[in-house]
Amino acid sequence: MNFSAILGFFGALGFVGLSIFLTIGENEGMELTAFVNYPGLALVFGGSIMATFLKSSGDEVKRVIPLMFLAFTKRVDKPTNIIAKLVDLATVARKDGLIALENQDVPDKFMATGVQMLIDGSQPQVVKQTLSGDLLAMKLRHKHSGAILTYMGEVLPAMGMIGTLVGLVGLLSNMEDISTLGGNMATAVLTTFYGALMANAMVLPMANKLAVLSDLESLNREIVIEGLQFIQAGGNPRLMEGQLQAYLAPRLRTALV
């Protein structure tokens, strides 16, 4: 589980909820239902979903839904751990040959694929092209999914503004009937609230979180590709370690020394 994402999500919603309850407490006679407007929710949520379907294919939108949960559940290994594992593999390969890697436990699937190619005797160029192609495909998938989430985050406030206009039209067109003023004004205000809340406390942070995870996973895979090339060439493990540390921020490089 990604505890920082869970903390941020529920923390943001929690403070919004706290603000709502404090507002209710300061206004005698006000109830929680004052913040519930079904026409506004239908417009903001339903309209945003349909606009997203208009922009993207149905299959792409359906892939985004489980992807959103990855913001809370996905954990990407630290680059320092990836480098440490590659150093271990390089040490074994240099001492006992590439075939000895068959007995090594490689939990990272991408690295395991590359290691198996080394064991099978694939040419260096084939290994690099295969793994680089896999990396590129992953980047494109993540880019498309992230673009859909970002677009949804942009549409939600816009739908909220449309709901505000709808509420104002209803308000201004029936000023004589005082009983309708509250409902129309609620639609006008709450749709903006719903759109801003869903976009800025949910969808956009998820999109940014997934982008960060994607960048980290891409970095790990680039390290793996270069490390496996070094292992296949029979290079010195410590020399490889120094080269791979170039991918890390300076503060992280001491973690392997």
Protein backbone atom coordinates (compact mmCIF):
# COMPACT_ATOMS: atom_id res chain seq x y z
CA MET A 1 0.00 0.00 0.00
CA ASN A 2 1.10 3.55 -0.76
CA PHE A 3 0.52 5.15 2.63
CA SER A 4 1.41 8.69 1.57
CA ALA A 5 -1.30 8.60 -1.11
CA ILE A 6 -3.85 7.18 1.32
CA LEU A 7 -2.95 9.79 3.94
CA GLY A 8 -3.16 12.63 1.44
CA PHE A 9 -6.48 11.50 -0.03
CA PHE A 10 -8.34 10.91 3.21
CA GLY A 11 -6.61 13.84 4.88
CA ALA A 12 -7.81 16.26 2.19
CA LEU A 13 -11.36 14.91 2.32
CA GLY A 14 -11.21 14.93 6.10
CA PHE A 15 -10.36 18.62 6.29
CA VAL A 16 -13.12 19.42 3.79
CA GLY A 17 -15.55 17.42 5.92
CA LEU A 18 -14.32 19.20 9.06
CA SER A 19 -14.91 22.56 7.41
CA ILE A 20 -18.43 21.50 6.45
CA PHE A 21 -19.31 20.36 9.97
CA LEU A 22 -17.85 23.53 11.50
CA THR A 23 -19.94 25.59 9.09
CA ILE A 24 -23.06 23.62 10.06
CA GLY A 25 -22.27 24.12 13.73
CA GLU A 26 -21.96 27.89 13.33
CA ASN A 27 -25.31 28.21 11.53
CA GLU A 28 -28.32 27.29 13.63
CA GLY A 29 -30.85 25.15 11.79
CA MET A 30 -28.45 24.22 9.02
CA GLU A 31 -28.19 20.51 8.17
CA LEU A 32 -25.74 18.32 6.28
CA THR A 33 -28.26 17.95 3.48
CA ALA A 34 -27.57 21.58 2.60
CA PHE A 35 -24.38 20.34 0.93
CA VAL A 36 -26.18 17.67 -1.09
CA ASN A 37 -27.58 18.58 -4.48
CA TYR A 38 -28.37 15.64 -6.74
CA PRO A 39 -28.87 17.62 -9.97
CA GLY A 40 -25.49 19.25 -9.41
CA LEU A 41 -23.80 15.91 -8.70
CA ALA A 42 -25.36 14.37 -11.80
CA LEU A 43 -24.19 17.25 -13.97
CA VAL A 44 -20.63 17.39 -12.66
CA PHE A 45 -19.92 13.67 -12.36
CA GLY A 46 -21.98 12.40 -15.27
CA GLY A 47 -21.05 15.25 -17.58
CA SER A 48 -17.34 14.82 -16.87
CA ILE A 49 -17.47 11.07 -17.50
CA MET A 50 -19.30 11.55 -20.80
CA ALA A 51 -16.90 14.27 -21.92
CA THR A 52 -14.02 11.92 -21.15
CA PHE A 53 -15.65 9.20 -23.25
CA LEU A 54 -15.96 11.74 -26.06
CA LYS A 55 -12.24 12.47 -25.91
CA SER A 56 -10.99 8.89 -25.54
CA SER A 57 -12.04 5.38 -26.47
CA GLY A 58 -14.17 3.32 -24.12
CA ASP A 59 -11.36 0.82 -23.54
CA GLU A 60 -8.96 3.61 -22.52
CA VAL A 61 -11.46 5.09 -20.06
CA LYS A 62 -12.17 1.66 -18.55
CA ARG A 63 -8.45 1.12 -17.99
CA VAL A 64 -8.23 4.41 -16.09
CA ILE A 65 -10.63 3.27 -13.34
CA PRO A 66 -8.40 0.46 -11.98
CA LEU A 67 -5.40 2.67 -12.67
CA MET A 68 -6.72 5.22 -10.17
CA PHE A 69 -6.56 2.59 -7.44
CA LEU A 70 -2.88 2.03 -8.27
CA ALA A 71 -2.19 5.48 -6.83
CA PHE A 72 -3.04 3.94 -3.44
CA THR A 73 -1.68 0.42 -3.87
CA LYS A 74 1.32 0.54 -6.22
CA ARG A 75 4.78 0.66 -4.72
CA VAL A 76 7.83 1.07 -6.94
CA ASP A 77 11.15 -0.29 -5.72
CA LYS A 78 13.85 2.22 -4.85
CA PRO A 79 16.55 2.69 -7.51
CA THR A 80 19.17 1.96 -4.86
CA ASN A 81 17.64 -1.50 -4.36
CA ILE A 82 17.64 -2.11 -8.10
CA ILE A 83 21.32 -1.21 -8.35
CA ALA A 84 22.20 -3.36 -5.34
CA LYS A 85 20.46 -6.35 -6.93
CA LEU A 86 22.24 -5.79 -10.24
CA VAL A 87 25.59 -5.65 -8.42
CA ASP A 88 24.80 -8.99 -6.77
CA LEU A 89 23.90 -10.52 -10.13
CA ALA A 90 27.04 -9.11 -11.73
CA THR A 91 29.17 -10.61 -8.98
CA VAL A 92 27.62 -14.05 -9.48
CA ALA A 93 27.85 -13.86 -13.28
CA ARG A 94 31.50 -12.80 -13.25
CA LYS A 95 32.44 -15.56 -10.84
CA ASP A 96 30.37 -18.49 -12.14
CA GLY A 97 29.15 -17.39 -15.57
CA LEU A 98 25.80 -16.18 -16.86
CA ILE A 99 24.24 -19.63 -16.49
CA ALA A 100 24.64 -19.29 -12.71
CA LEU A 101 22.04 -16.50 -12.75
CA GLU A 102 19.40 -19.17 -13.25
CA ASN A 103 19.55 -19.95 -9.53
CA GLN A 104 19.17 -16.32 -8.48
CA ASP A 105 15.91 -14.93 -7.10
CA VAL A 106 14.90 -11.88 -9.16
CA PRO A 107 11.59 -10.47 -7.85
CA ASP A 108 11.44 -7.60 -10.36
CA LYS A 109 9.62 -8.95 -13.45
CA PHE A 110 11.33 -6.62 -15.91
CA MET A 111 14.76 -7.51 -14.56
CA ALA A 112 13.84 -11.19 -14.51
CA THR A 113 12.92 -11.03 -18.20
CA GLY A 114 16.29 -9.53 -19.03
CA VAL A 115 18.19 -12.00 -16.87
CA GLN A 116 16.44 -14.89 -18.61
CA MET A 117 17.52 -13.48 -21.97
CA LEU A 118 21.12 -13.42 -20.74
CA ILE A 119 20.83 -17.03 -19.57
CA ASP A 120 19.38 -18.02 -22.94
CA GLY A 121 22.36 -16.48 -24.72
CA SER A 122 20.53 -13.69 -26.55
CA GLN A 123 22.67 -11.21 -28.42
CA PRO A 124 23.36 -7.92 -26.58
CA GLN A 125 21.59 -5.90 -29.26
CA VAL A 126 18.52 -8.14 -29.04
CA VAL A 127 18.41 -7.80 -25.26
CA LYS A 128 18.66 -4.02 -25.43
CA GLN A 129 16.06 -3.66 -28.20
CA THR A 130 13.58 -5.98 -26.50
CA LEU A 131 13.82 -4.33 -23.10
CA SER A 132 13.89 -0.81 -24.56
CA GLY A 133 10.76 -1.61 -26.57
CA ASP A 134 9.06 -2.85 -23.41
CA LEU A 135 10.06 0.35 -21.61
CA LEU A 136 8.76 2.55 -24.43
CA ALA A 137 5.43 0.69 -24.51
CA MET A 138 5.04 1.18 -20.76
CA LYS A 139 5.77 4.91 -21.04
CA LEU A 140 3.15 5.30 -23.78
CA ARG A 141 0.51 3.42 -21.77
CA HIS A 142 1.16 5.53 -18.72
CA LYS A 143 1.22 8.73 -20.77
CA HIS A 144 -2.17 8.02 -22.37
CA SER A 145 -3.79 7.01 -19.09
CA GLY A 146 -2.34 10.04 -17.32
CA ALA A 147 -3.61 12.32 -20.08
CA ILE A 148 -7.14 10.98 -19.59
CA LEU A 149 -7.02 11.60 -15.84
CA THR A 150 -5.60 15.08 -16.35
CA TYR A 151 -8.33 15.88 -18.87
CA MET A 152 -10.98 14.66 -16.44
CA GLY A 153 -9.46 16.90 -13.78
CA GLU A 154 -9.77 19.86 -16.15
CA VAL A 155 -13.36 19.02 -17.15
CA LEU A 156 -14.71 18.64 -13.61
CA PRO A 157 -14.39 22.34 -12.65
CA ALA A 158 -15.72 23.32 -16.08
CA MET A 159 -18.81 21.18 -15.52
CA GLY A 160 -19.12 22.81 -12.13
CA MET A 161 -19.20 26.22 -13.80
CA ILE A 162 -21.82 24.99 -16.27
CA GLY A 163 -23.91 23.86 -13.31
CA THR A 164 -23.49 27.30 -11.78
CA LEU A 165 -24.84 28.88 -14.95
CA VAL A 166 -27.75 26.44 -15.01
CA GLY A 167 -28.59 27.35 -11.43
CA LEU A 168 -28.35 31.07 -12.16
CA VAL A 169 -30.62 30.74 -15.18
CA GLY A 170 -33.20 28.98 -13.02
CA LEU A 171 -32.75 31.62 -10.33
CA LEU A 172 -33.11 34.63 -12.60
CA SER A 173 -35.96 33.21 -14.66
CA ASN A 174 -38.19 32.65 -11.65
CA MET A 175 -37.46 35.47 -9.25
CA GLU A 176 -41.14 35.82 -8.37
CA ASP A 177 -41.32 32.39 -6.72
CA ILE A 178 -39.31 32.73 -3.53
CA SER A 179 -39.63 29.00 -2.77
CA THR A 180 -37.41 28.12 -5.75
CA LEU A 181 -34.63 30.58 -4.97
CA GLY A 182 -32.87 28.33 -2.45
CA GLY A 183 -32.79 25.27 -4.70
CA ASN A 184 -31.54 27.18 -7.73
CA MET A 185 -28.91 28.98 -5.69
CA ALA A 186 -27.79 25.67 -4.17
CA THR A 187 -27.36 24.18 -7.63
CA ALA A 188 -25.41 27.25 -8.71
CA VAL A 189 -22.99 27.15 -5.78
CA LEU A 190 -22.70 23.43 -5.05
CA THR A 191 -21.87 22.37 -8.60
CA THR A 192 -18.80 24.60 -8.49
CA PHE A 193 -17.95 23.08 -5.12
CA TYR A 194 -18.33 19.52 -6.42
CA GLY A 195 -16.25 20.19 -9.51
CA ALA A 196 -13.43 21.87 -7.58
CA LEU A 197 -13.43 19.17 -4.89
CA MET A 198 -13.36 16.20 -7.26
CA ALA A 199 -10.70 17.77 -9.46
CA ASN A 200 -8.31 19.15 -6.86
CA ALA A 201 -8.72 16.68 -4.00
CA MET A 202 -9.09 13.51 -6.05
CA VAL A 203 -8.46 13.28 -9.80
CA LEU A 204 -5.55 15.68 -10.37
CA PRO A 205 -3.54 14.51 -7.33
CA MET A 206 -4.03 10.91 -8.51
CA ALA A 207 -2.84 11.83 -12.00
CA ASN A 208 0.26 13.53 -10.58
CA LYS A 209 0.94 10.63 -8.20
CA LEU A 210 0.76 8.13 -11.05
CA ALA A 211 3.08 10.31 -13.14
CA VAL A 212 5.65 10.29 -10.33
CA LEU A 213 5.37 6.50 -9.99
CA SER A 214 5.70 6.12 -13.77
CA ASP A 215 8.85 8.25 -13.83
CA LEU A 216 10.39 6.22 -11.01
CA GLU A 217 9.51 2.93 -12.71
CA SER A 218 10.98 4.20 -15.98
CA LEU A 219 14.18 5.17 -14.18
CA ASN A 220 14.41 1.71 -12.64
CA ARG A 221 14.01 0.06 -16.02
CA GLU A 222 16.65 2.26 -17.62
CA ILE A 223 19.02 1.25 -14.82
CA VAL A 224 18.17 -2.41 -15.40
CA ILE A 225 18.83 -2.17 -19.15
CA GLU A 226 22.25 -0.60 -18.66
CA GLY A 227 23.13 -2.92 -15.80
CA LEU A 228 22.26 -6.06 -17.76
CA GLN A 229 24.37 -4.88 -20.68
CA PHE A 230 27.28 -4.48 -18.29
CA ILE A 231 26.68 -7.94 -16.80
CA GLN A 232 26.52 -9.53 -20.24
CA ALA A 233 29.83 -7.92 -21.15
CA GLY A 234 31.43 -9.40 -18.02
CA GLY A 235 32.28 -6.04 -16.47
CA ASN A 236 33.54 -5.38 -12.95
CA PRO A 237 30.57 -5.19 -10.54
CA ARG A 238 32.01 -2.25 -8.59
CA LEU A 239 32.69 -0.33 -11.77
CA MET A 240 29.12 -1.01 -12.86
CA GLU A 241 27.86 0.21 -9.50
CA GLY A 242 29.67 3.51 -9.95
CA GLN A 243 28.25 3.99 -13.44
CA LEU A 244 24.69 3.19 -12.39
CA GLN A 245 24.89 5.60 -9.48
CA ALA A 246 24.97 8.38 -12.06
CA TYR A 247 21.21 7.83 -12.36
CA LEU A 248 20.72 8.70 -8.70
CA ALA A 249 20.49 12.00 -6.91
CA PRO A 250 23.77 12.82 -5.08
CA ARG A 251 22.18 12.30 -1.66
CA LEU A 252 21.26 8.71 -2.59
CA ARG A 253 24.63 7.64 -3.93
CA THR A 254 26.15 7.09 -0.51
CA ALA A 255 23.49 4.44 0.18
CA LEU A 256 25.47 1.95 -1.89
CA VAL A 257 28.95 2.81 -0.70
